[in-house]
Amino acid sequence: MDMPSVGQDDTHEGTDWELVRRSLQGDTVGFGVLVRRYERLVFHVAGGFLRDRGEVEDVAQEAFLKAYEALSRFRADASFGPWIAQIATRLCYDRLRGRRRRQEVAWEDLSWSEQAAARGFTAGGTATEDAAASRELAERALAALPPKDRQALILADALGYTAAEAGQMMGCTALAVRLRLHRARRAARRVAERLVDGMESATREADDDKVQRDRTRSE
């Protein structure tokens, strides 16, 4: 998957490096062009990890602030998109890491799309057909996963990035991402299986209760 296309109609205003150089010389307009060019990408990445719109906006603002403060370290041969995406990803990781691990949710706590995603995991898939469901499942049902594993799972399965792209944003190799994905998907499948088993047990109990009520009424 390529990085989301952003700001392609403003390339006449300069390349990323030209805009960075102008910003370093005190031209705030130049950095404003970079923000417009890549804000959609940053929101796309942050929105894959965080469900609250206000929190996504906070991460986006903080990402561009950190990028501005670190402009002197930006390489002339680098691309601003993957760089700002990496900053946003690390900020999201810090937020996920700082949260308390929550107890696993029950089947009835999941939305219909999350239930479909859980069934997809148990069938050996990754539920990529519904990106929002994959993200929700990672955020709610997989809250016990290590943050780095959740990070890899969301980037690859919910947002559709390749292992190489995810590694670039996470600051690790593509191989490390694949290993984390293997571990996270296996854990996801176990969680989903428990959820589906709970659903099936609840369904059987409900059917048994209905049969018992019908018998009682007929007596």
N, C-alpha and C. Protein backbone atom coordinates (compact mmCIF):
# COMPACT_ATOMS: atom_id res chain seq x y z
N MET A 1 0.85 -1.20 0.00
CA MET A 1 0.00 0.00 0.00
C MET A 1 0.87 1.24 0.00
N ASP A 2 0.58 2.20 -0.89
CA ASP A 2 1.33 3.44 -0.90
C ASP A 2 0.78 4.36 0.17
N MET A 3 1.63 5.31 0.58
CA MET A 3 1.17 6.31 1.52
C MET A 3 -0.01 7.06 0.90
N PRO A 4 -1.05 7.41 1.72
CA PRO A 4 -2.19 8.14 1.17
C PRO A 4 -1.73 9.39 0.44
N SER A 5 -2.30 9.62 -0.74
CA SER A 5 -1.93 10.78 -1.54
C SER A 5 -2.44 12.04 -0.88
N VAL A 6 -1.55 12.96 -0.58
CA VAL A 6 -1.94 14.21 0.07
C VAL A 6 -1.20 15.37 -0.53
N GLY A 7 -1.95 16.43 -0.77
CA GLY A 7 -1.33 17.67 -1.19
C GLY A 7 -0.58 17.59 -2.51
N GLN A 8 -0.99 16.70 -3.42
CA GLN A 8 -0.26 16.56 -4.67
C GLN A 8 -0.43 17.77 -5.58
N ASP A 9 -1.48 18.57 -5.33
CA ASP A 9 -1.71 19.73 -6.18
C ASP A 9 -0.90 20.94 -5.74
N ASP A 10 -0.07 20.82 -4.68
CA ASP A 10 0.69 21.97 -4.22
C ASP A 10 2.19 21.77 -4.45
N THR A 11 2.55 20.79 -5.32
CA THR A 11 3.96 20.52 -5.55
C THR A 11 4.65 21.71 -6.21
N HIS A 12 3.87 22.61 -6.83
CA HIS A 12 4.49 23.79 -7.43
C HIS A 12 5.08 24.71 -6.37
N GLU A 13 4.70 24.50 -5.12
CA GLU A 13 5.20 25.33 -4.04
C GLU A 13 6.55 24.84 -3.53
N GLY A 14 7.06 23.76 -4.10
CA GLY A 14 8.39 23.29 -3.73
C GLY A 14 8.40 21.85 -3.29
N THR A 15 9.57 21.22 -3.38
CA THR A 15 9.72 19.86 -2.87
C THR A 15 9.73 19.88 -1.36
N ASP A 16 9.64 18.69 -0.77
CA ASP A 16 9.67 18.61 0.69
C ASP A 16 10.95 19.25 1.25
N TRP A 17 12.08 18.92 0.64
CA TRP A 17 13.34 19.46 1.15
C TRP A 17 13.41 20.98 1.01
N GLU A 18 12.90 21.52 -0.10
CA GLU A 18 12.89 22.97 -0.28
C GLU A 18 12.04 23.64 0.79
N LEU A 19 10.92 23.01 1.10
CA LEU A 19 10.03 23.57 2.13
C LEU A 19 10.67 23.47 3.52
N VAL A 20 11.36 22.36 3.78
CA VAL A 20 12.07 22.22 5.05
C VAL A 20 13.15 23.28 5.17
N ARG A 21 13.89 23.47 4.11
CA ARG A 21 14.97 24.46 4.13
C ARG A 21 14.42 25.86 4.35
N ARG A 22 13.30 26.18 3.70
CA ARG A 22 12.67 27.49 3.92
C ARG A 22 12.22 27.64 5.35
N SER A 23 11.68 26.55 5.92
CA SER A 23 11.21 26.59 7.32
C SER A 23 12.37 26.83 8.27
N LEU A 24 13.51 26.19 7.99
CA LEU A 24 14.69 26.37 8.84
C LEU A 24 15.22 27.80 8.77
N GLN A 25 14.90 28.49 7.69
CA GLN A 25 15.33 29.88 7.53
C GLN A 25 14.31 30.86 8.10
N GLY A 26 13.27 30.30 8.75
CA GLY A 26 12.28 31.16 9.41
C GLY A 26 11.02 31.40 8.62
N ASP A 27 10.85 30.73 7.51
CA ASP A 27 9.66 30.91 6.68
C ASP A 27 8.55 29.98 7.19
N THR A 28 7.62 30.52 7.99
CA THR A 28 6.55 29.70 8.55
C THR A 28 5.55 29.26 7.48
N VAL A 29 5.47 30.02 6.39
CA VAL A 29 4.57 29.64 5.30
C VAL A 29 5.01 28.31 4.70
N GLY A 30 6.32 28.11 4.59
CA GLY A 30 6.83 26.86 4.04
C GLY A 30 6.41 25.66 4.86
N PHE A 31 6.48 25.79 6.18
CA PHE A 31 6.06 24.66 7.01
C PHE A 31 4.54 24.46 6.93
N GLY A 32 3.81 25.55 6.76
CA GLY A 32 2.36 25.44 6.60
C GLY A 32 1.99 24.62 5.38
N VAL A 33 2.79 24.74 4.32
CA VAL A 33 2.56 23.93 3.11
C VAL A 33 2.79 22.46 3.43
N LEU A 34 3.83 22.16 4.20
CA LEU A 34 4.10 20.77 4.59
C LEU A 34 2.94 20.21 5.41
N VAL A 35 2.39 21.02 6.31
CA VAL A 35 1.25 20.57 7.12
C VAL A 35 0.07 20.24 6.23
N ARG A 36 -0.25 21.13 5.30
CA ARG A 36 -1.38 20.88 4.39
C ARG A 36 -1.13 19.65 3.53
N ARG A 37 0.13 19.47 3.15
CA ARG A 37 0.47 18.37 2.25
C ARG A 37 0.34 17.01 2.94
N TYR A 38 0.61 16.95 4.25
CA TYR A 38 0.68 15.65 4.93
C TYR A 38 -0.30 15.48 6.10
N GLU A 39 -1.19 16.45 6.30
CA GLU A 39 -2.10 16.31 7.44
C GLU A 39 -3.06 15.14 7.25
N ARG A 40 -3.45 14.87 6.01
CA ARG A 40 -4.36 13.75 5.77
C ARG A 40 -3.67 12.43 6.13
N LEU A 41 -2.40 12.30 5.77
CA LEU A 41 -1.64 11.10 6.11
C LEU A 41 -1.55 10.92 7.62
N VAL A 42 -1.25 12.00 8.34
CA VAL A 42 -1.12 11.92 9.80
C VAL A 42 -2.44 11.53 10.44
N PHE A 43 -3.54 12.12 9.99
CA PHE A 43 -4.85 11.77 10.53
C PHE A 43 -5.19 10.31 10.20
N HIS A 44 -4.79 9.86 9.02
CA HIS A 44 -5.05 8.47 8.63
C HIS A 44 -4.33 7.50 9.56
N VAL A 45 -3.07 7.78 9.86
CA VAL A 45 -2.30 6.92 10.74
C VAL A 45 -2.84 6.96 12.16
N ALA A 46 -3.01 8.17 12.69
CA ALA A 46 -3.48 8.30 14.08
C ALA A 46 -4.88 7.73 14.24
N GLY A 47 -5.73 7.92 13.23
CA GLY A 47 -7.09 7.39 13.30
C GLY A 47 -7.14 5.88 13.29
N GLY A 48 -6.07 5.24 12.81
CA GLY A 48 -6.02 3.79 12.85
C GLY A 48 -5.77 3.23 14.23
N PHE A 49 -5.19 4.05 15.11
CA PHE A 49 -4.87 3.61 16.46
C PHE A 49 -5.86 4.11 17.50
N LEU A 50 -6.39 5.30 17.30
CA LEU A 50 -7.18 5.97 18.32
C LEU A 50 -8.60 6.19 17.84
N ARG A 51 -9.57 5.91 18.69
CA ARG A 51 -10.97 6.00 18.29
C ARG A 51 -11.55 7.38 18.54
N ASP A 52 -11.00 8.12 19.50
CA ASP A 52 -11.55 9.43 19.85
C ASP A 52 -11.02 10.50 18.89
N ARG A 53 -11.93 11.23 18.27
CA ARG A 53 -11.54 12.24 17.28
C ARG A 53 -10.65 13.32 17.90
N GLY A 54 -11.00 13.73 19.11
CA GLY A 54 -10.21 14.75 19.78
C GLY A 54 -8.79 14.28 20.04
N GLU A 55 -8.65 13.01 20.40
CA GLU A 55 -7.32 12.46 20.66
C GLU A 55 -6.52 12.36 19.37
N VAL A 56 -7.18 12.02 18.27
CA VAL A 56 -6.50 11.98 16.97
C VAL A 56 -5.98 13.37 16.61
N GLU A 57 -6.79 14.39 16.84
CA GLU A 57 -6.37 15.76 16.54
C GLU A 57 -5.20 16.17 17.42
N ASP A 58 -5.22 15.76 18.68
CA ASP A 58 -4.10 16.07 19.58
C ASP A 58 -2.80 15.45 19.08
N VAL A 59 -2.89 14.19 18.66
CA VAL A 59 -1.70 13.50 18.16
C VAL A 59 -1.19 14.18 16.90
N ALA A 60 -2.10 14.58 16.01
CA ALA A 60 -1.70 15.24 14.76
C ALA A 60 -0.96 16.54 15.06
N GLN A 61 -1.51 17.34 15.97
CA GLN A 61 -0.86 18.60 16.32
C GLN A 61 0.51 18.36 16.94
N GLU A 62 0.59 17.38 17.83
CA GLU A 62 1.85 17.09 18.50
C GLU A 62 2.88 16.55 17.50
N ALA A 63 2.41 15.76 16.53
CA ALA A 63 3.33 15.20 15.54
C ALA A 63 3.97 16.31 14.71
N PHE A 64 3.18 17.27 14.27
CA PHE A 64 3.74 18.36 13.46
C PHE A 64 4.62 19.28 14.31
N LEU A 65 4.26 19.44 15.57
CA LEU A 65 5.10 20.24 16.47
C LEU A 65 6.46 19.58 16.65
N LYS A 66 6.46 18.28 16.90
CA LYS A 66 7.73 17.56 17.06
C LYS A 66 8.54 17.58 15.77
N ALA A 67 7.85 17.47 14.63
CA ALA A 67 8.55 17.52 13.35
C ALA A 67 9.21 18.88 13.16
N TYR A 68 8.49 19.93 13.51
CA TYR A 68 9.04 21.28 13.37
C TYR A 68 10.28 21.46 14.24
N GLU A 69 10.20 20.94 15.47
CA GLU A 69 11.33 21.07 16.39
C GLU A 69 12.54 20.26 15.95
N ALA A 70 12.28 19.22 15.13
CA ALA A 70 13.37 18.33 14.70
C ALA A 70 13.77 18.54 13.24
N LEU A 71 13.34 19.64 12.63
CA LEU A 71 13.61 19.86 11.21
C LEU A 71 15.11 19.86 10.88
N SER A 72 15.92 20.31 11.82
CA SER A 72 17.35 20.37 11.54
C SER A 72 17.96 18.98 11.33
N ARG A 73 17.25 17.94 11.76
CA ARG A 73 17.76 16.57 11.60
C ARG A 73 17.19 15.88 10.36
N PHE A 74 16.33 16.59 9.62
CA PHE A 74 15.72 16.01 8.42
C PHE A 74 16.75 15.96 7.30
N ARG A 75 16.89 14.80 6.65
CA ARG A 75 17.89 14.61 5.60
C ARG A 75 17.36 15.10 4.25
N ALA A 76 18.25 15.68 3.48
CA ALA A 76 17.86 16.23 2.18
C ALA A 76 17.35 15.15 1.23
N ASP A 77 17.82 13.91 1.39
CA ASP A 77 17.41 12.83 0.48
C ASP A 77 16.21 12.05 1.02
N ALA A 78 15.65 12.49 2.13
CA ALA A 78 14.52 11.78 2.75
C ALA A 78 13.19 12.31 2.23
N SER A 79 12.14 11.54 2.50
CA SER A 79 10.77 11.95 2.17
C SER A 79 10.06 12.34 3.45
N PHE A 80 9.37 13.47 3.42
CA PHE A 80 8.73 13.98 4.63
C PHE A 80 7.57 13.08 5.07
N GLY A 81 6.88 12.44 4.12
CA GLY A 81 5.72 11.62 4.46
C GLY A 81 6.01 10.48 5.42
N PRO A 82 6.93 9.56 5.07
CA PRO A 82 7.25 8.48 6.00
C PRO A 82 7.81 8.99 7.34
N TRP A 83 8.52 10.11 7.28
CA TRP A 83 9.12 10.68 8.50
C TRP A 83 8.04 11.16 9.46
N ILE A 84 7.07 11.92 8.97
CA ILE A 84 6.01 12.43 9.84
C ILE A 84 5.09 11.28 10.27
N ALA A 85 4.93 10.27 9.39
CA ALA A 85 4.12 9.11 9.77
C ALA A 85 4.78 8.34 10.90
N GLN A 86 6.09 8.24 10.87
CA GLN A 86 6.82 7.57 11.95
C GLN A 86 6.64 8.31 13.27
N ILE A 87 6.71 9.64 13.22
CA ILE A 87 6.51 10.44 14.44
C ILE A 87 5.11 10.21 14.99
N ALA A 88 4.10 10.24 14.12
CA ALA A 88 2.71 10.04 14.56
C ALA A 88 2.53 8.64 15.14
N THR A 89 3.14 7.64 14.51
CA THR A 89 3.02 6.26 14.98
C THR A 89 3.62 6.11 16.38
N ARG A 90 4.77 6.72 16.60
CA ARG A 90 5.41 6.63 17.92
C ARG A 90 4.57 7.32 18.99
N LEU A 91 3.95 8.44 18.64
CA LEU A 91 3.08 9.12 19.60
C LEU A 91 1.89 8.24 19.97
N CYS A 92 1.32 7.57 18.96
CA CYS A 92 0.20 6.66 19.23
C CYS A 92 0.66 5.50 20.11
N TYR A 93 1.84 4.98 19.81
CA TYR A 93 2.39 3.89 20.61
C TYR A 93 2.54 4.31 22.07
N ASP A 94 3.04 5.52 22.30
CA ASP A 94 3.21 6.01 23.67
C ASP A 94 1.87 6.09 24.39
N ARG A 95 0.83 6.47 23.67
CA ARG A 95 -0.50 6.56 24.29
C ARG A 95 -1.04 5.16 24.60
N LEU A 96 -0.85 4.23 23.69
CA LEU A 96 -1.32 2.87 23.94
C LEU A 96 -0.56 2.23 25.10
N ARG A 97 0.74 2.48 25.15
CA ARG A 97 1.56 1.90 26.20
C ARG A 97 1.19 2.44 27.57
N GLY A 98 0.73 3.69 27.62
CA GLY A 98 0.41 4.30 28.90
C GLY A 98 -0.95 3.92 29.46
N ARG A 99 -1.73 3.21 28.68
CA ARG A 99 -3.06 2.84 29.15
C ARG A 99 -3.02 1.53 29.92
N ARG A 100 -3.90 1.44 30.89
CA ARG A 100 -4.01 0.19 31.65
C ARG A 100 -4.60 -0.89 30.76
N ARG A 101 -4.12 -2.09 30.98
CA ARG A 101 -4.71 -3.22 30.26
C ARG A 101 -6.10 -3.49 30.81
N ARG A 102 -7.01 -3.63 29.89
CA ARG A 102 -8.40 -3.87 30.32
C ARG A 102 -8.75 -5.35 30.19
N GLN A 103 -9.79 -5.74 30.90
CA GLN A 103 -10.24 -7.12 30.80
C GLN A 103 -10.85 -7.36 29.41
N GLU A 104 -10.78 -8.59 28.96
CA GLU A 104 -11.36 -8.92 27.66
C GLU A 104 -12.87 -8.68 27.69
N VAL A 105 -13.38 -8.19 26.56
CA VAL A 105 -14.81 -7.95 26.46
C VAL A 105 -15.53 -9.26 26.14
N ALA A 106 -16.83 -9.28 26.41
CA ALA A 106 -17.65 -10.44 26.08
C ALA A 106 -18.18 -10.27 24.66
N TRP A 107 -18.69 -11.38 24.11
CA TRP A 107 -19.20 -11.36 22.74
C TRP A 107 -20.28 -10.30 22.56
N GLU A 108 -21.18 -10.19 23.53
CA GLU A 108 -22.28 -9.24 23.40
C GLU A 108 -21.83 -7.79 23.47
N ASP A 109 -20.58 -7.56 23.93
CA ASP A 109 -20.05 -6.20 23.98
C ASP A 109 -19.56 -5.72 22.62
N LEU A 110 -19.40 -6.65 21.67
CA LEU A 110 -18.86 -6.30 20.36
C LEU A 110 -19.97 -5.87 19.41
N SER A 111 -19.63 -4.96 18.51
CA SER A 111 -20.57 -4.58 17.47
C SER A 111 -20.69 -5.72 16.46
N TRP A 112 -21.69 -5.60 15.56
CA TRP A 112 -21.87 -6.65 14.55
C TRP A 112 -20.61 -6.80 13.71
N SER A 113 -19.99 -5.68 13.30
CA SER A 113 -18.79 -5.75 12.46
C SER A 113 -17.62 -6.35 13.22
N GLU A 114 -17.54 -6.08 14.52
CA GLU A 114 -16.48 -6.68 15.33
C GLU A 114 -16.68 -8.18 15.46
N GLN A 115 -17.94 -8.61 15.58
CA GLN A 115 -18.23 -10.04 15.64
C GLN A 115 -17.82 -10.71 14.33
N ALA A 116 -18.08 -10.02 13.20
CA ALA A 116 -17.68 -10.57 11.91
C ALA A 116 -16.15 -10.66 11.82
N ALA A 117 -15.46 -9.64 12.37
CA ALA A 117 -14.00 -9.67 12.36
C ALA A 117 -13.48 -10.83 13.21
N ALA A 118 -14.14 -11.07 14.36
CA ALA A 118 -13.72 -12.16 15.23
C ALA A 118 -13.90 -13.49 14.52
N ARG A 119 -15.03 -13.66 13.81
CA ARG A 119 -15.24 -14.90 13.05
C ARG A 119 -14.17 -15.05 11.97
N GLY A 120 -13.76 -13.92 11.37
CA GLY A 120 -12.73 -13.98 10.35
C GLY A 120 -11.40 -14.45 10.92
N PHE A 121 -11.06 -14.00 12.12
CA PHE A 121 -9.84 -14.43 12.77
C PHE A 121 -9.88 -15.93 13.06
N THR A 122 -11.02 -16.42 13.54
CA THR A 122 -11.10 -17.85 13.88
C THR A 122 -11.00 -18.71 12.63
N ALA A 123 -11.39 -18.15 11.48
CA ALA A 123 -11.32 -18.90 10.23
C ALA A 123 -9.93 -18.83 9.61
N GLY A 124 -9.02 -18.13 10.29
CA GLY A 124 -7.65 -18.04 9.78
C GLY A 124 -7.39 -16.82 8.95
N GLY A 125 -8.37 -15.92 8.84
CA GLY A 125 -8.18 -14.69 8.06
C GLY A 125 -7.70 -13.56 8.93
N THR A 126 -7.66 -12.37 8.35
CA THR A 126 -7.22 -11.19 9.07
C THR A 126 -8.27 -10.10 9.12
N ALA A 127 -9.46 -10.37 8.56
CA ALA A 127 -10.59 -9.44 8.60
C ALA A 127 -10.26 -8.11 7.94
N THR A 128 -9.41 -8.12 6.90
CA THR A 128 -9.04 -6.88 6.25
C THR A 128 -10.19 -6.30 5.43
N GLU A 129 -11.24 -7.10 5.18
CA GLU A 129 -12.36 -6.59 4.40
C GLU A 129 -13.04 -5.44 5.13
N ASP A 130 -12.97 -5.39 6.44
CA ASP A 130 -13.59 -4.32 7.23
C ASP A 130 -12.51 -3.72 8.11
N ALA A 131 -11.87 -2.67 7.62
CA ALA A 131 -10.75 -2.07 8.35
C ALA A 131 -11.18 -1.56 9.72
N ALA A 132 -12.37 -0.94 9.78
CA ALA A 132 -12.84 -0.40 11.05
C ALA A 132 -13.04 -1.50 12.08
N ALA A 133 -13.58 -2.63 11.63
CA ALA A 133 -13.79 -3.75 12.55
C ALA A 133 -12.48 -4.30 13.05
N SER A 134 -11.48 -4.40 12.18
CA SER A 134 -10.18 -4.88 12.61
C SER A 134 -9.58 -3.95 13.65
N ARG A 135 -9.74 -2.65 13.42
CA ARG A 135 -9.21 -1.68 14.37
C ARG A 135 -9.93 -1.78 15.71
N GLU A 136 -11.26 -1.90 15.65
CA GLU A 136 -12.04 -2.00 16.88
C GLU A 136 -11.66 -3.26 17.66
N LEU A 137 -11.49 -4.36 16.93
CA LEU A 137 -11.13 -5.60 17.59
C LEU A 137 -9.77 -5.49 18.26
N ALA A 138 -8.84 -4.84 17.56
CA ALA A 138 -7.51 -4.64 18.14
C ALA A 138 -7.57 -3.72 19.36
N GLU A 139 -8.42 -2.71 19.28
CA GLU A 139 -8.50 -1.73 20.37
C GLU A 139 -9.21 -2.29 21.59
N ARG A 140 -10.24 -3.09 21.38
CA ARG A 140 -11.06 -3.53 22.50
C ARG A 140 -10.75 -4.97 22.94
N ALA A 141 -10.88 -5.90 22.01
CA ALA A 141 -10.70 -7.30 22.39
C ALA A 141 -9.24 -7.68 22.56
N LEU A 142 -8.33 -6.96 21.94
CA LEU A 142 -6.91 -7.30 22.01
C LEU A 142 -6.15 -6.33 22.90
N ALA A 143 -6.82 -5.74 23.86
CA ALA A 143 -6.18 -4.74 24.71
C ALA A 143 -5.03 -5.33 25.52
N ALA A 144 -5.00 -6.64 25.70
CA ALA A 144 -3.94 -7.26 26.49
C ALA A 144 -2.66 -7.51 25.69
N LEU A 145 -2.71 -7.29 24.37
CA LEU A 145 -1.51 -7.49 23.56
C LEU A 145 -0.46 -6.43 23.91
N PRO A 146 0.83 -6.77 23.82
CA PRO A 146 1.88 -5.75 23.97
C PRO A 146 1.66 -4.64 22.94
N PRO A 147 1.87 -3.37 23.32
CA PRO A 147 1.60 -2.26 22.40
C PRO A 147 2.29 -2.38 21.04
N LYS A 148 3.53 -2.86 21.02
CA LYS A 148 4.23 -2.99 19.74
C LYS A 148 3.55 -4.00 18.81
N ASP A 149 3.02 -5.08 19.40
CA ASP A 149 2.32 -6.09 18.59
C ASP A 149 1.00 -5.51 18.07
N ARG A 150 0.30 -4.79 18.92
CA ARG A 150 -0.94 -4.15 18.48
C ARG A 150 -0.64 -3.15 17.39
N GLN A 151 0.47 -2.43 17.55
CA GLN A 151 0.88 -1.42 16.57
C GLN A 151 1.08 -2.07 15.20
N ALA A 152 1.79 -3.18 15.17
CA ALA A 152 2.04 -3.89 13.90
C ALA A 152 0.74 -4.40 13.31
N LEU A 153 -0.13 -4.94 14.15
CA LEU A 153 -1.39 -5.50 13.69
C LEU A 153 -2.28 -4.42 13.07
N ILE A 154 -2.35 -3.28 13.72
CA ILE A 154 -3.20 -2.20 13.21
C ILE A 154 -2.65 -1.64 11.91
N LEU A 155 -1.33 -1.39 11.86
CA LEU A 155 -0.73 -0.84 10.64
C LEU A 155 -0.92 -1.78 9.46
N ALA A 156 -0.72 -3.08 9.67
CA ALA A 156 -0.77 -4.05 8.56
C ALA A 156 -2.20 -4.47 8.22
N ASP A 157 -2.97 -4.88 9.23
CA ASP A 157 -4.29 -5.47 8.96
C ASP A 157 -5.40 -4.43 8.86
N ALA A 158 -5.36 -3.40 9.71
CA ALA A 158 -6.44 -2.41 9.69
C ALA A 158 -6.16 -1.29 8.69
N LEU A 159 -4.90 -0.87 8.57
CA LEU A 159 -4.57 0.25 7.68
C LEU A 159 -3.97 -0.19 6.36
N GLY A 160 -3.58 -1.46 6.25
CA GLY A 160 -3.16 -2.00 4.97
C GLY A 160 -1.75 -1.72 4.53
N TYR A 161 -0.87 -1.31 5.45
CA TYR A 161 0.51 -1.05 5.08
C TYR A 161 1.28 -2.37 4.94
N THR A 162 2.29 -2.37 4.08
CA THR A 162 3.15 -3.54 3.96
C THR A 162 4.05 -3.63 5.18
N ALA A 163 4.72 -4.77 5.33
CA ALA A 163 5.63 -4.95 6.46
C ALA A 163 6.76 -3.93 6.39
N ALA A 164 7.24 -3.64 5.18
CA ALA A 164 8.32 -2.66 5.03
C ALA A 164 7.85 -1.26 5.43
N GLU A 165 6.65 -0.88 4.98
CA GLU A 165 6.12 0.44 5.33
C GLU A 165 5.86 0.55 6.82
N ALA A 166 5.28 -0.52 7.40
CA ALA A 166 5.02 -0.52 8.85
C ALA A 166 6.33 -0.44 9.62
N GLY A 167 7.34 -1.16 9.15
CA GLY A 167 8.63 -1.12 9.82
C GLY A 167 9.25 0.26 9.77
N GLN A 168 9.07 0.95 8.66
CA GLN A 168 9.60 2.31 8.54
C GLN A 168 8.94 3.23 9.56
N MET A 169 7.65 3.06 9.77
CA MET A 169 6.94 3.90 10.72
C MET A 169 7.20 3.50 12.17
N MET A 170 7.50 2.22 12.38
CA MET A 170 7.76 1.74 13.74
C MET A 170 9.23 1.82 14.12
N GLY A 171 10.08 2.10 13.13
CA GLY A 171 11.50 2.18 13.41
C GLY A 171 12.15 0.82 13.58
N CYS A 172 11.70 -0.18 12.82
CA CYS A 172 12.29 -1.52 12.90
C CYS A 172 12.30 -2.13 11.51
N THR A 173 12.84 -3.33 11.39
CA THR A 173 12.93 -3.98 10.09
C THR A 173 11.59 -4.62 9.70
N ALA A 174 11.46 -4.90 8.41
CA ALA A 174 10.27 -5.59 7.92
C ALA A 174 10.16 -6.97 8.55
N LEU A 175 11.29 -7.63 8.76
CA LEU A 175 11.28 -8.95 9.39
C LEU A 175 10.73 -8.87 10.80
N ALA A 176 11.12 -7.86 11.55
CA ALA A 176 10.62 -7.69 12.91
C ALA A 176 9.11 -7.48 12.91
N VAL A 177 8.62 -6.73 11.92
CA VAL A 177 7.18 -6.52 11.80
C VAL A 177 6.47 -7.84 11.52
N ARG A 178 7.02 -8.63 10.60
CA ARG A 178 6.39 -9.92 10.27
C ARG A 178 6.34 -10.84 11.49
N LEU A 179 7.39 -10.82 12.29
CA LEU A 179 7.40 -11.65 13.50
C LEU A 179 6.34 -11.17 14.48
N ARG A 180 6.23 -9.86 14.64
CA ARG A 180 5.21 -9.31 15.54
C ARG A 180 3.81 -9.61 15.02
N LEU A 181 3.64 -9.53 13.71
CA LEU A 181 2.33 -9.83 13.12
C LEU A 181 1.95 -11.29 13.34
N HIS A 182 2.91 -12.18 13.16
CA HIS A 182 2.63 -13.60 13.39
C HIS A 182 2.17 -13.82 14.83
N ARG A 183 2.88 -13.23 15.77
CA ARG A 183 2.53 -13.40 17.18
C ARG A 183 1.18 -12.74 17.49
N ALA A 184 0.96 -11.53 16.94
CA ALA A 184 -0.28 -10.81 17.23
C ALA A 184 -1.49 -11.51 16.62
N ARG A 185 -1.34 -12.01 15.38
CA ARG A 185 -2.46 -12.69 14.74
C ARG A 185 -2.80 -13.99 15.47
N ARG A 186 -1.78 -14.68 15.96
CA ARG A 186 -2.03 -15.91 16.72
C ARG A 186 -2.78 -15.59 18.01
N ALA A 187 -2.35 -14.51 18.69
CA ALA A 187 -3.05 -14.10 19.91
C ALA A 187 -4.46 -13.63 19.58
N ALA A 188 -4.60 -12.90 18.46
CA ALA A 188 -5.92 -12.42 18.04
C ALA A 188 -6.87 -13.59 17.80
N ARG A 189 -6.32 -14.63 17.17
CA ARG A 189 -7.15 -15.79 16.87
C ARG A 189 -7.62 -16.48 18.17
N ARG A 190 -6.71 -16.53 19.15
CA ARG A 190 -7.11 -17.15 20.43
C ARG A 190 -8.20 -16.34 21.11
N VAL A 191 -8.04 -15.01 21.10
CA VAL A 191 -9.06 -14.14 21.70
C VAL A 191 -10.38 -14.30 20.97
N ALA A 192 -10.31 -14.29 19.63
CA ALA A 192 -11.53 -14.41 18.84
C ALA A 192 -12.21 -15.76 19.07
N GLU A 193 -11.42 -16.82 19.19
CA GLU A 193 -11.99 -18.15 19.43
C GLU A 193 -12.72 -18.18 20.77
N ARG A 194 -12.13 -17.54 21.78
CA ARG A 194 -12.81 -17.49 23.09
C ARG A 194 -14.11 -16.71 22.99
N LEU A 195 -14.08 -15.61 22.21
CA LEU A 195 -15.29 -14.81 22.05
C LEU A 195 -16.37 -15.61 21.31
N VAL A 196 -15.98 -16.28 20.23
CA VAL A 196 -16.95 -17.07 19.46
C VAL A 196 -17.48 -18.22 20.31
N ASP A 197 -16.60 -18.88 21.07
CA ASP A 197 -17.04 -19.95 21.95
C ASP A 197 -18.05 -19.43 22.97
N GLY A 198 -17.78 -18.22 23.48
CA GLY A 198 -18.72 -17.63 24.44
C GLY A 198 -20.06 -17.33 23.81
N MET A 199 -20.00 -16.86 22.53
CA MET A 199 -21.23 -16.59 21.81
C MET A 199 -22.03 -17.86 21.61
N GLU A 200 -21.35 -18.94 21.20
CA GLU A 200 -22.04 -20.20 20.94
C GLU A 200 -22.63 -20.77 22.22
N SER A 201 -21.91 -20.63 23.33
CA SER A 201 -22.43 -21.11 24.62
C SER A 201 -23.67 -20.32 25.01
N ALA A 202 -23.59 -18.99 24.82
CA ALA A 202 -24.74 -18.15 25.16
C ALA A 202 -25.93 -18.48 24.29
N THR A 203 -25.68 -18.79 23.00
CA THR A 203 -26.76 -19.15 22.09
C THR A 203 -27.40 -20.47 22.52
N ARG A 204 -26.56 -21.45 22.88
CA ARG A 204 -27.10 -22.73 23.33
C ARG A 204 -27.94 -22.56 24.60
N GLU A 205 -27.46 -21.74 25.53
CA GLU A 205 -28.21 -21.51 26.77
C GLU A 205 -29.54 -20.84 26.47
N ALA A 206 -29.51 -19.87 25.54
CA ALA A 206 -30.75 -19.18 25.18
C ALA A 206 -31.74 -20.15 24.55
N ASP A 207 -31.23 -21.05 23.69
CA ASP A 207 -32.11 -22.04 23.05
C ASP A 207 -32.69 -23.00 24.10
N ASP A 208 -31.85 -23.41 25.05
CA ASP A 208 -32.33 -24.31 26.11
C ASP A 208 -33.40 -23.62 26.94
N ASP A 209 -33.21 -22.33 27.24
CA ASP A 209 -34.20 -21.59 28.03
C ASP A 209 -35.50 -21.48 27.26
N LYS A 210 -35.41 -21.25 25.96
CA LYS A 210 -36.62 -21.13 25.15
C LYS A 210 -37.37 -22.46 25.13
N VAL A 211 -36.65 -23.56 24.96
CA VAL A 211 -37.29 -24.88 24.98
C VAL A 211 -37.97 -25.13 26.31
N GLN A 212 -37.30 -24.77 27.41
CA GLN A 212 -37.88 -24.97 28.73
C GLN A 212 -39.13 -24.14 28.93
N ARG A 213 -39.11 -22.89 28.43
CA ARG A 213 -40.30 -22.03 28.56
C ARG A 213 -41.45 -22.59 27.74
N ASP A 214 -41.14 -23.08 26.54
CA ASP A 214 -42.19 -23.65 25.70
C ASP A 214 -42.82 -24.87 26.36
N ARG A 215 -41.97 -25.70 26.99
CA ARG A 215 -42.50 -26.87 27.68
C ARG A 215 -43.39 -26.46 28.84
N THR A 216 -42.96 -25.44 29.57
CA THR A 216 -43.74 -24.98 30.73
C THR A 216 -45.10 -24.48 30.30
N ARG A 217 -45.14 -23.71 29.19
CA ARG A 217 -46.41 -23.19 28.72
C ARG A 217 -47.33 -24.30 28.23
N SER A 218 -46.75 -25.36 27.67
CA SER A 218 -47.57 -26.44 27.11
C SER A 218 -48.12 -27.38 28.18
N GLU A 219 -47.55 -27.33 29.39
CA GLU A 219 -48.01 -28.24 30.45
C GLU A 219 -49.28 -27.69 31.13
